Full PDB file with SEQRES, HELIX, SHEET, SSBOND, CRYST1, ORIGX, SCALE, CONECT and MASTER records, all heavy atoms in Angstrom:
SEQRES   1 A   37  ALA GLY ILE GLU PHE VAL CYS GLY LYS ILE ALA ASP THR          
SEQRES   2 A   37  ASP VAL CYS VAL ALA GLN CYS SER PRO GLY LYS VAL ASN          
SEQRES   3 A   37  ALA ALA LEU CYS THR GLN MET MET ILE ASP LYS                  
HELIX    1 AA1 LYS A   24  ASP A   36  1                                  13    
SHEET    1 AA1 2 PHE A   5  ILE A  10  0                                        
SHEET    2 AA1 2 THR A  13  ALA A  18 -1                                        
CRYST1    1.000    1.000    1.000  90.00  90.00  90.00 P 1           1          
ORIGX1      1.000000  0.000000  0.000000        0.00000                         
ORIGX2      0.000000  1.000000  0.000000        0.00000                         
ORIGX3      0.000000  0.000000  1.000000        0.00000                         
SCALE1      1.000000  0.000000  0.000000        0.00000                         
SCALE2      0.000000  1.000000  0.000000        0.00000                         
SCALE3      0.000000  0.000000  1.000000        0.00000                         
ATOM      1  N   ALA A   1      11.868  -9.667   2.734  1.00  0.00           N  
ATOM      2  CA  ALA A   1      11.300  -9.929   1.404  1.00  0.00           C  
ATOM      3  C   ALA A   1      12.137 -10.934   0.616  1.00  0.00           C  
ATOM      4  O   ALA A   1      12.301 -10.812  -0.601  1.00  0.00           O  
ATOM      5  CB  ALA A   1      11.148  -8.622   0.626  1.00  0.00           C  
ATOM      6  N   GLY A   2      12.694 -11.908   1.342  1.00  0.00           N  
ATOM      7  CA  GLY A   2      13.482 -12.946   0.693  1.00  0.00           C  
ATOM      8  C   GLY A   2      14.891 -12.549   0.311  1.00  0.00           C  
ATOM      9  O   GLY A   2      15.611 -13.334  -0.314  1.00  0.00           O  
ATOM     10  N   ILE A   3      15.296 -11.340   0.683  1.00  0.00           N  
ATOM     11  CA  ILE A   3      16.645 -10.845   0.349  1.00  0.00           C  
ATOM     12  C   ILE A   3      17.494 -10.849   1.613  1.00  0.00           C  
ATOM     13  O   ILE A   3      17.096 -10.310   2.645  1.00  0.00           O  
ATOM     14  CB  ILE A   3      16.599  -9.425  -0.247  1.00  0.00           C  
ATOM     15  CG1 ILE A   3      15.737  -9.415  -1.510  1.00  0.00           C  
ATOM     16  CG2 ILE A   3      18.013  -8.915  -0.555  1.00  0.00           C  
ATOM     17  CD1 ILE A   3      15.445  -8.021  -2.030  1.00  0.00           C  
ATOM     18  N   GLU A   4      18.676 -11.437   1.524  1.00  0.00           N  
ATOM     19  CA  GLU A   4      19.594 -11.510   2.660  1.00  0.00           C  
ATOM     20  C   GLU A   4      20.508 -10.288   2.662  1.00  0.00           C  
ATOM     21  O   GLU A   4      21.191 -10.017   1.684  1.00  0.00           O  
ATOM     22  CB  GLU A   4      20.432 -12.776   2.567  1.00  0.00           C  
ATOM     23  CG  GLU A   4      21.382 -12.979   3.724  1.00  0.00           C  
ATOM     24  CD  GLU A   4      22.210 -14.234   3.577  1.00  0.00           C  
ATOM     25  OE1 GLU A   4      23.234 -14.177   2.859  1.00  0.00           O  
ATOM     26  OE2 GLU A   4      21.839 -15.270   4.155  1.00  0.00           O  
ATOM     27  N   PHE A   5      20.498  -9.571   3.773  1.00  0.00           N  
ATOM     28  CA  PHE A   5      21.353  -8.397   3.946  1.00  0.00           C  
ATOM     29  C   PHE A   5      22.427  -8.736   4.977  1.00  0.00           C  
ATOM     30  O   PHE A   5      22.115  -9.074   6.123  1.00  0.00           O  
ATOM     31  CB  PHE A   5      20.540  -7.193   4.409  1.00  0.00           C  
ATOM     32  CG  PHE A   5      19.505  -6.735   3.410  1.00  0.00           C  
ATOM     33  CD1 PHE A   5      18.223  -7.286   3.422  1.00  0.00           C  
ATOM     34  CD2 PHE A   5      19.812  -5.788   2.449  1.00  0.00           C  
ATOM     35  CE1 PHE A   5      17.269  -6.887   2.503  1.00  0.00           C  
ATOM     36  CE2 PHE A   5      18.863  -5.373   1.520  1.00  0.00           C  
ATOM     37  CZ  PHE A   5      17.597  -5.921   1.553  1.00  0.00           C  
ATOM     38  N   VAL A   6      23.678  -8.657   4.562  1.00  0.00           N  
ATOM     39  CA  VAL A   6      24.807  -8.980   5.437  1.00  0.00           C  
ATOM     40  C   VAL A   6      25.496  -7.678   5.831  1.00  0.00           C  
ATOM     41  O   VAL A   6      26.093  -6.993   4.990  1.00  0.00           O  
ATOM     42  CB  VAL A   6      25.804  -9.920   4.731  1.00  0.00           C  
ATOM     43  CG1 VAL A   6      26.979 -10.222   5.645  1.00  0.00           C  
ATOM     44  CG2 VAL A   6      25.109 -11.205   4.299  1.00  0.00           C  
ATOM     45  N   CYS A   7      25.415  -7.336   7.102  1.00  0.00           N  
ATOM     46  CA  CYS A   7      25.957  -6.059   7.581  1.00  0.00           C  
ATOM     47  C   CYS A   7      27.117  -6.306   8.546  1.00  0.00           C  
ATOM     48  O   CYS A   7      27.140  -7.292   9.280  1.00  0.00           O  
ATOM     49  CB  CYS A   7      24.875  -5.240   8.273  1.00  0.00           C  
ATOM     50  SG  CYS A   7      23.497  -4.794   7.208  1.00  0.00           S  
ATOM     51  N   GLY A   8      28.059  -5.389   8.542  1.00  0.00           N  
ATOM     52  CA  GLY A   8      29.228  -5.470   9.410  1.00  0.00           C  
ATOM     53  C   GLY A   8      30.292  -4.527   8.913  1.00  0.00           C  
ATOM     54  O   GLY A   8      29.974  -3.409   8.475  1.00  0.00           O  
ATOM     55  N   LYS A   9      31.541  -4.980   8.972  1.00  0.00           N  
ATOM     56  CA  LYS A   9      32.644  -4.121   8.546  1.00  0.00           C  
ATOM     57  C   LYS A   9      33.540  -4.831   7.537  1.00  0.00           C  
ATOM     58  O   LYS A   9      33.820  -6.022   7.674  1.00  0.00           O  
ATOM     59  CB  LYS A   9      33.488  -3.690   9.746  1.00  0.00           C  
ATOM     60  CG  LYS A   9      32.843  -2.647  10.652  1.00  0.00           C  
ATOM     61  CD  LYS A   9      33.803  -2.193  11.742  1.00  0.00           C  
ATOM     62  CE  LYS A   9      33.180  -1.123  12.625  1.00  0.00           C  
ATOM     63  NZ  LYS A   9      32.998   0.149  11.895  1.00  0.00           N  
ATOM     64  N   ILE A  10      33.977  -4.077   6.539  1.00  0.00           N  
ATOM     65  CA  ILE A  10      35.053  -4.487   5.643  1.00  0.00           C  
ATOM     66  C   ILE A  10      36.048  -3.337   5.601  1.00  0.00           C  
ATOM     67  O   ILE A  10      35.670  -2.200   5.319  1.00  0.00           O  
ATOM     68  CB  ILE A  10      34.563  -4.786   4.212  1.00  0.00           C  
ATOM     69  CG1 ILE A  10      33.542  -5.925   4.203  1.00  0.00           C  
ATOM     70  CG2 ILE A  10      35.746  -5.148   3.306  1.00  0.00           C  
ATOM     71  CD1 ILE A  10      32.966  -6.222   2.818  1.00  0.00           C  
ATOM     72  N   ALA A  11      37.306  -3.638   5.929  1.00  0.00           N  
ATOM     73  CA  ALA A  11      38.356  -2.607   5.939  1.00  0.00           C  
ATOM     74  C   ALA A  11      37.947  -1.407   6.796  1.00  0.00           C  
ATOM     75  O   ALA A  11      38.081  -0.251   6.387  1.00  0.00           O  
ATOM     76  CB  ALA A  11      38.677  -2.159   4.513  1.00  0.00           C  
ATOM     77  N   ASP A  12      37.408  -1.703   7.992  1.00  0.00           N  
ATOM     78  CA  ASP A  12      37.007  -0.669   8.950  1.00  0.00           C  
ATOM     79  C   ASP A  12      35.888   0.228   8.444  1.00  0.00           C  
ATOM     80  O   ASP A  12      35.665   1.318   8.981  1.00  0.00           O  
ATOM     81  CB  ASP A  12      38.211   0.207   9.354  1.00  0.00           C  
ATOM     82  CG  ASP A  12      39.273  -0.579  10.098  1.00  0.00           C  
ATOM     83  OD1 ASP A  12      38.894  -1.492  10.859  1.00  0.00           O  
ATOM     84  OD2 ASP A  12      40.465  -0.292   9.912  1.00  0.00           O  
ATOM     85  N   THR A  13      35.173  -0.211   7.438  1.00  0.00           N  
ATOM     86  CA  THR A  13      34.042   0.547   6.903  1.00  0.00           C  
ATOM     87  C   THR A  13      32.753  -0.213   7.164  1.00  0.00           C  
ATOM     88  O   THR A  13      32.679  -1.423   6.931  1.00  0.00           O  
ATOM     89  CB  THR A  13      34.200   0.775   5.384  1.00  0.00           C  
ATOM     90  OG1 THR A  13      35.398   1.504   5.146  1.00  0.00           O  
ATOM     91  CG2 THR A  13      33.022   1.547   4.809  1.00  0.00           C  
ATOM     92  N   ASP A  14      31.742   0.482   7.656  1.00  0.00           N  
ATOM     93  CA  ASP A  14      30.432  -0.129   7.859  1.00  0.00           C  
ATOM     94  C   ASP A  14      29.787  -0.394   6.505  1.00  0.00           C  
ATOM     95  O   ASP A  14      29.621   0.526   5.688  1.00  0.00           O  
ATOM     96  CB  ASP A  14      29.531   0.784   8.680  1.00  0.00           C  
ATOM     97  CG  ASP A  14      30.002   0.928  10.118  1.00  0.00           C  
ATOM     98  OD1 ASP A  14      30.519  -0.060  10.671  1.00  0.00           O  
ATOM     99  OD2 ASP A  14      29.862   2.025  10.685  1.00  0.00           O  
ATOM    100  N   VAL A  15      29.413  -1.654   6.269  1.00  0.00           N  
ATOM    101  CA  VAL A  15      28.834  -2.019   4.982  1.00  0.00           C  
ATOM    102  C   VAL A  15      27.585  -2.869   5.174  1.00  0.00           C  
ATOM    103  O   VAL A  15      27.400  -3.516   6.214  1.00  0.00           O  
ATOM    104  CB  VAL A  15      29.836  -2.807   4.100  1.00  0.00           C  
ATOM    105  CG1 VAL A  15      31.060  -1.968   3.779  1.00  0.00           C  
ATOM    106  CG2 VAL A  15      30.226  -4.131   4.757  1.00  0.00           C  
ATOM    107  N   CYS A  16      26.747  -2.860   4.154  1.00  0.00           N  
ATOM    108  CA  CYS A  16      25.610  -3.763   4.065  1.00  0.00           C  
ATOM    109  C   CYS A  16      25.635  -4.324   2.650  1.00  0.00           C  
ATOM    110  O   CYS A  16      25.530  -3.586   1.671  1.00  0.00           O  
ATOM    111  CB  CYS A  16      24.298  -3.019   4.317  1.00  0.00           C  
ATOM    112  SG  CYS A  16      22.834  -4.082   4.245  1.00  0.00           S  
ATOM    113  N   VAL A  17      25.823  -5.649   2.546  1.00  0.00           N  
ATOM    114  CA  VAL A  17      25.986  -6.304   1.252  1.00  0.00           C  
ATOM    115  C   VAL A  17      24.751  -7.154   0.963  1.00  0.00           C  
ATOM    116  O   VAL A  17      24.293  -7.902   1.829  1.00  0.00           O  
ATOM    117  CB  VAL A  17      27.238  -7.196   1.220  1.00  0.00           C  
ATOM    118  CG1 VAL A  17      27.452  -7.775  -0.179  1.00  0.00           C  
ATOM    119  CG2 VAL A  17      28.471  -6.417   1.668  1.00  0.00           C  
ATOM    120  N   ALA A  18      24.218  -7.041  -0.257  1.00  0.00           N  
ATOM    121  CA  ALA A  18      23.019  -7.799  -0.608  1.00  0.00           C  
ATOM    122  C   ALA A  18      23.076  -8.286  -2.048  1.00  0.00           C  
ATOM    123  O   ALA A  18      23.634  -7.622  -2.916  1.00  0.00           O  
ATOM    124  CB  ALA A  18      21.775  -6.952  -0.400  1.00  0.00           C  
ATOM    125  N   GLN A  19      22.466  -9.449  -2.269  1.00  0.00           N  
ATOM    126  CA  GLN A  19      22.265  -9.992  -3.614  1.00  0.00           C  
ATOM    127  C   GLN A  19      20.809  -9.770  -3.978  1.00  0.00           C  
ATOM    128  O   GLN A  19      19.904 -10.325  -3.356  1.00  0.00           O  
ATOM    129  CB  GLN A  19      22.599 -11.480  -3.657  1.00  0.00           C  
ATOM    130  CG  GLN A  19      22.335 -12.123  -5.010  1.00  0.00           C  
ATOM    131  CD  GLN A  19      22.397 -13.642  -4.972  1.00  0.00           C  
ATOM    132  OE1 GLN A  19      22.947 -14.222  -4.035  1.00  0.00           O  
ATOM    133  NE2 GLN A  19      21.810 -14.280  -5.967  1.00  0.00           N  
ATOM    134  N   CYS A  20      20.565  -8.966  -5.014  1.00  0.00           N  
ATOM    135  CA  CYS A  20      19.191  -8.584  -5.320  1.00  0.00           C  
ATOM    136  C   CYS A  20      18.476  -9.543  -6.265  1.00  0.00           C  
ATOM    137  O   CYS A  20      17.244  -9.528  -6.341  1.00  0.00           O  
ATOM    138  CB  CYS A  20      19.153  -7.177  -5.908  1.00  0.00           C  
ATOM    139  SG  CYS A  20      19.979  -6.974  -7.507  1.00  0.00           S  
ATOM    140  N   SER A  21      19.217 -10.351  -7.034  1.00  0.00           N  
ATOM    141  CA  SER A  21      18.736 -11.167  -8.144  1.00  0.00           C  
ATOM    142  C   SER A  21      18.587 -10.287  -9.382  1.00  0.00           C  
ATOM    143  O   SER A  21      18.372  -9.084  -9.279  1.00  0.00           O  
ATOM    144  CB  SER A  21      17.414 -11.882  -7.830  1.00  0.00           C  
ATOM    145  OG  SER A  21      17.594 -12.826  -6.792  1.00  0.00           O  
ATOM    146  N   PRO A  22      18.709 -10.886 -10.565  1.00  0.00           N  
ATOM    147  CA  PRO A  22      18.725 -10.083 -11.794  1.00  0.00           C  
ATOM    148  C   PRO A  22      17.396  -9.386 -12.092  1.00  0.00           C  
ATOM    149  O   PRO A  22      16.320  -9.880 -11.741  1.00  0.00           O  
ATOM    150  CB  PRO A  22      19.045 -11.117 -12.883  1.00  0.00           C  
ATOM    151  CG  PRO A  22      19.721 -12.241 -12.162  1.00  0.00           C  
ATOM    152  CD  PRO A  22      19.053 -12.295 -10.831  1.00  0.00           C  
ATOM    153  N   GLY A  23      17.495  -8.245 -12.761  1.00  0.00           N  
ATOM    154  CA  GLY A  23      16.308  -7.538 -13.220  1.00  0.00           C  
ATOM    155  C   GLY A  23      16.022  -6.273 -12.449  1.00  0.00           C  
ATOM    156  O   GLY A  23      16.426  -6.110 -11.295  1.00  0.00           O  
ATOM    157  N   LYS A  24      15.300  -5.369 -13.110  1.00  0.00           N  
ATOM    158  CA  LYS A  24      15.067  -4.043 -12.537  1.00  0.00           C  
ATOM    159  C   LYS A  24      14.142  -4.051 -11.323  1.00  0.00           C  
ATOM    160  O   LYS A  24      14.369  -3.313 -10.369  1.00  0.00           O  
ATOM    161  CB  LYS A  24      14.524  -3.107 -13.618  1.00  0.00           C  
ATOM    162  CG  LYS A  24      15.514  -2.814 -14.734  1.00  0.00           C  
ATOM    163  CD  LYS A  24      15.050  -1.655 -15.617  1.00  0.00           C  
ATOM    164  CE  LYS A  24      13.725  -1.977 -16.236  1.00  0.00           C  
ATOM    165  NZ  LYS A  24      13.205  -0.872 -17.059  1.00  0.00           N  
ATOM    166  N   VAL A  25      13.104  -4.876 -11.345  1.00  0.00           N  
ATOM    167  CA  VAL A  25      12.192  -4.921 -10.195  1.00  0.00           C  
ATOM    168  C   VAL A  25      12.913  -5.473  -8.974  1.00  0.00           C  
ATOM    169  O   VAL A  25      12.815  -4.922  -7.863  1.00  0.00           O  
ATOM    170  CB  VAL A  25      10.933  -5.753 -10.520  1.00  0.00           C  
ATOM    171  CG1 VAL A  25      10.084  -5.941  -9.265  1.00  0.00           C  
ATOM    172  CG2 VAL A  25      10.108  -5.067 -11.592  1.00  0.00           C  
ATOM    173  N   ASN A  26      13.652  -6.560  -9.148  1.00  0.00           N  
ATOM    174  CA  ASN A  26      14.416  -7.122  -8.027  1.00  0.00           C  
ATOM    175  C   ASN A  26      15.418  -6.111  -7.481  1.00  0.00           C  
ATOM    176  O   ASN A  26      15.596  -5.989  -6.261  1.00  0.00           O  
ATOM    177  CB  ASN A  26      15.161  -8.376  -8.489  1.00  0.00           C  
ATOM    178  CG  ASN A  26      14.233  -9.552  -8.728  1.00  0.00           C  
ATOM    179  OD1 ASN A  26      13.240  -9.713  -8.041  1.00  0.00           O  
ATOM    180  ND2 ASN A  26      14.550 -10.368  -9.721  1.00  0.00           N  
ATOM    181  N   ALA A  27      16.085  -5.390  -8.388  1.00  0.00           N  
ATOM    182  CA  ALA A  27      17.075  -4.401  -7.971  1.00  0.00           C  
ATOM    183  C   ALA A  27      16.428  -3.250  -7.214  1.00  0.00           C  
ATOM    184  O   ALA A  27      16.948  -2.791  -6.182  1.00  0.00           O  
ATOM    185  CB  ALA A  27      17.821  -3.874  -9.193  1.00  0.00           C  
ATOM    186  N   ALA A  28      15.293  -2.778  -7.703  1.00  0.00           N  
ATOM    187  CA  ALA A  28      14.599  -1.670  -7.039  1.00  0.00           C  
ATOM    188  C   ALA A  28      14.086  -2.082  -5.660  1.00  0.00           C  
ATOM    189  O   ALA A  28      14.202  -1.328  -4.686  1.00  0.00           O  
ATOM    190  CB  ALA A  28      13.442  -1.191  -7.915  1.00  0.00           C  
ATOM    191  N   LEU A  29      13.518  -3.299  -5.586  1.00  0.00           N  
ATOM    192  CA  LEU A  29      13.029  -3.810  -4.297  1.00  0.00           C  
ATOM    193  C   LEU A  29      14.156  -3.870  -3.279  1.00  0.00           C  
ATOM    194  O   LEU A  29      14.014  -3.412  -2.133  1.00  0.00           O  
ATOM    195  CB  LEU A  29      12.430  -5.201  -4.506  1.00  0.00           C  
ATOM    196  CG  LEU A  29      12.008  -5.975  -3.257  1.00  0.00           C  
ATOM    197  CD1 LEU A  29      10.855  -5.274  -2.563  1.00  0.00           C  
ATOM    198  CD2 LEU A  29      11.614  -7.404  -3.622  1.00  0.00           C  
ATOM    199  N   CYS A  30      15.289  -4.428  -3.683  1.00  0.00           N  
ATOM    200  CA  CYS A  30      16.432  -4.561  -2.779  1.00  0.00           C  
ATOM    201  C   CYS A  30      16.942  -3.194  -2.338  1.00  0.00           C  
ATOM    202  O   CYS A  30      17.236  -2.981  -1.158  1.00  0.00           O  
ATOM    203  CB  CYS A  30      17.534  -5.352  -3.481  1.00  0.00           C  
ATOM    204  SG  CYS A  30      19.040  -5.531  -2.512  1.00  0.00           S  
ATOM    205  N   THR A  31      17.043  -2.280  -3.265  1.00  0.00           N  
ATOM    206  CA  THR A  31      17.578  -0.950  -2.952  1.00  0.00           C  
ATOM    207  C   THR A  31      16.686  -0.209  -1.970  1.00  0.00           C  
ATOM    208  O   THR A  31      17.168   0.371  -0.987  1.00  0.00           O  
ATOM    209  CB  THR A  31      17.743  -0.124  -4.239  1.00  0.00           C  
ATOM    210  OG1 THR A  31      18.524  -0.856  -5.184  1.00  0.00           O  
ATOM    211  CG2 THR A  31      18.433   1.197  -3.954  1.00  0.00           C  
ATOM    212  N   GLN A  32      15.380  -0.210  -2.223  1.00  0.00           N  
ATOM    213  CA  GLN A  32      14.474   0.491  -1.323  1.00  0.00           C  
ATOM    214  C   GLN A  32      14.457  -0.154   0.055  1.00  0.00           C  
ATOM    215  O   GLN A  32      14.430   0.536   1.084  1.00  0.00           O  
ATOM    216  CB  GLN A  32      13.062   0.530  -1.897  1.00  0.00           C  
ATOM    217  CG  GLN A  32      12.113   1.452  -1.127  1.00  0.00           C  
ATOM    218  CD  GLN A  32      12.552   2.906  -1.177  1.00  0.00           C  
ATOM    219  OE1 GLN A  32      12.656   3.495  -2.243  1.00  0.00           O  
ATOM    220  NE2 GLN A  32      12.821   3.496  -0.017  1.00  0.00           N  
ATOM    221  N   MET A  33      14.494  -1.495   0.095  1.00  0.00           N  
ATOM    222  CA  MET A  33      14.529  -2.204   1.367  1.00  0.00           C  
ATOM    223  C   MET A  33      15.796  -1.854   2.142  1.00  0.00           C  
ATOM    224  O   MET A  33      15.762  -1.618   3.358  1.00  0.00           O  
ATOM    225  CB  MET A  33      14.466  -3.712   1.120  1.00  0.00           C  
ATOM    226  CG  MET A  33      14.153  -4.531   2.338  1.00  0.00           C  
ATOM    227  SD  MET A  33      12.420  -4.465   2.799  1.00  0.00           S  
ATOM    228  CE  MET A  33      11.668  -5.274   1.399  1.00  0.00           C  
ATOM    229  N   MET A  34      16.918  -1.805   1.450  1.00  0.00           N  
ATOM    230  CA  MET A  34      18.181  -1.476   2.089  1.00  0.00           C  
ATOM    231  C   MET A  34      18.151  -0.068   2.679  1.00  0.00           C  
ATOM    232  O   MET A  34      18.588   0.159   3.817  1.00  0.00           O  
ATOM    233  CB  MET A  34      19.326  -1.600   1.072  1.00  0.00           C  
ATOM    234  CG  MET A  34      20.706  -1.329   1.622  1.00  0.00           C  
ATOM    235  SD  MET A  34      22.007  -1.552   0.378  1.00  0.00           S  
ATOM    236  CE  MET A  34      22.225  -3.339   0.411  1.00  0.00           C  
ATOM    237  N   ILE A  35      17.591   0.869   1.933  1.00  0.00           N  
ATOM    238  CA  ILE A  35      17.511   2.257   2.410  1.00  0.00           C  
ATOM    239  C   ILE A  35      16.567   2.364   3.604  1.00  0.00           C  
ATOM    240  O   ILE A  35      16.850   3.072   4.576  1.00  0.00           O  
ATOM    241  CB  ILE A  35      17.057   3.177   1.265  1.00  0.00           C  
ATOM    242  CG1 ILE A  35      18.150   3.256   0.188  1.00  0.00           C  
ATOM    243  CG2 ILE A  35      16.724   4.577   1.778  1.00  0.00           C  
ATOM    244  CD1 ILE A  35      17.703   3.934  -1.095  1.00  0.00           C  
ATOM    245  N   ASP A  36      15.439   1.659   3.534  1.00  0.00           N  
ATOM    246  CA  ASP A  36      14.435   1.748   4.596  1.00  0.00           C  
ATOM    247  C   ASP A  36      14.864   1.068   5.893  1.00  0.00           C  
ATOM    248  O   ASP A  36      14.535   1.541   6.986  1.00  0.00           O  
ATOM    249  CB  ASP A  36      13.119   1.116   4.132  1.00  0.00           C  
ATOM    250  CG  ASP A  36      12.392   1.947   3.089  1.00  0.00           C  
ATOM    251  OD1 ASP A  36      12.737   3.136   2.933  1.00  0.00           O  
ATOM    252  OD2 ASP A  36      11.488   1.396   2.424  1.00  0.00           O  
ATOM    253  N   LYS A  37      15.595  -0.045   5.777  1.00  0.00           N  
ATOM    254  CA  LYS A  37      15.871  -0.876   6.950  1.00  0.00           C  
ATOM    255  C   LYS A  37      17.229  -0.603   7.589  1.00  0.00           C  
ATOM    256  O   LYS A  37      17.445  -0.981   8.745  1.00  0.00           O  
ATOM    257  CB  LYS A  37      15.800  -2.358   6.556  1.00  0.00           C  
ATOM    258  CG  LYS A  37      14.438  -2.817   6.052  1.00  0.00           C  
ATOM    259  CD  LYS A  37      13.379  -2.765   7.139  1.00  0.00           C  
ATOM    260  CE  LYS A  37      12.061  -3.350   6.643  1.00  0.00           C  
ATOM    261  NZ  LYS A  37      11.016  -3.315   7.709  1.00  0.00           N  
TER     262      LYS A  37                                                      
MASTER        0    0    0    1    2    0    0    6  261    1    0    3          
END                                                                             
């Protein structure tokens, strides 16, 4: 959905880092996508 998710490790911790863009709809979209995928 146009959001880049960068996954891997930081300090031996599994992470997924994303830039959602400003605003509540963008933030909600990114969060749900991250949880689902």
